[in-house]
Amino acid sequence: MDAFTAGLLQRIRATETDLTRARETGDDFLADVEQAELDDLHRLAAEHGVEVTTAMA
């Protein structure tokens, strides 16, 4: 796995964690921000042929 792929997958995992935390604490604004970031990361992964398998996908 190259550095780009590893970094992208790490960012996706971190964003999923942050999204879960925001939802659990009831921070709707932060949850929206994290969801938008996660959507962008998934789009970037798809554009570069990186397969992402996550519980939140």
Protein backbone atom coordinates (compact mmCIF):
# COMPACT_ATOMS: atom_id res chain seq x y z
CA MET A 1 0.00 0.00 0.00
CA ASP A 2 1.43 3.36 -0.97
CA ALA A 3 1.60 6.40 1.31
CA PHE A 4 -1.31 8.17 -0.40
CA THR A 5 -3.65 5.21 0.10
CA ALA A 6 -2.54 4.63 3.68
CA GLY A 7 -2.95 8.31 4.53
CA LEU A 8 -6.36 8.51 2.91
CA LEU A 9 -7.63 5.43 4.74
CA GLN A 10 -6.27 6.80 8.01
CA ARG A 11 -8.07 10.12 7.45
CA ILE A 12 -11.30 8.24 6.70
CA ARG A 13 -11.03 6.22 9.93
CA ALA A 14 -10.29 9.35 11.97
CA THR A 15 -13.19 11.23 10.41
CA GLU A 16 -15.55 8.33 11.08
CA THR A 17 -14.48 8.38 14.74
CA ASP A 18 -15.00 12.14 14.93
CA LEU A 19 -18.40 11.82 13.27
CA THR A 20 -19.49 9.15 15.73
CA ARG A 21 -18.34 11.29 18.65
CA ALA A 22 -20.19 14.34 17.31
CA ARG A 23 -23.38 12.34 16.90
CA GLU A 24 -23.08 10.81 20.36
CA THR A 25 -22.65 14.22 21.98
CA GLY A 26 -25.51 15.74 20.01
CA ASP A 27 -23.34 18.28 18.19
CA ASP A 28 -25.36 18.53 14.99
CA PHE A 29 -23.18 21.21 13.41
CA LEU A 30 -19.97 19.23 13.95
CA ALA A 31 -21.69 16.07 12.73
CA ASP A 32 -22.63 17.89 9.51
CA VAL A 33 -19.06 19.11 9.08
CA GLU A 34 -17.60 15.64 9.69
CA GLN A 35 -20.14 14.03 7.33
CA ALA A 36 -19.20 16.49 4.58
CA GLU A 37 -15.50 15.72 5.17
CA LEU A 38 -16.22 11.99 5.05
CA ASP A 39 -18.17 12.39 1.80
CA ASP A 40 -15.23 14.30 0.28
CA LEU A 41 -12.76 11.64 1.39
CA HIS A 42 -14.91 8.87 -0.11
CA ARG A 43 -15.15 10.84 -3.37
CA LEU A 44 -11.36 11.28 -3.41
CA ALA A 45 -10.88 7.57 -2.76
CA ALA A 46 -13.23 6.66 -5.61
CA GLU A 47 -11.46 9.04 -7.99
CA HIS A 48 -8.14 7.32 -7.24
CA GLY A 49 -9.41 3.75 -7.22
CA VAL A 50 -8.97 3.26 -3.49
CA GLU A 51 -11.40 0.70 -2.12
CA VAL A 52 -12.93 1.75 1.17
CA THR A 53 -14.86 -0.68 3.33
CA THR A 54 -16.27 0.94 6.44
CA ALA A 55 -19.20 0.50 8.75
CA MET A 56 -20.41 4.03 7.97
CA ALA A 57 -20.09 3.96 4.19
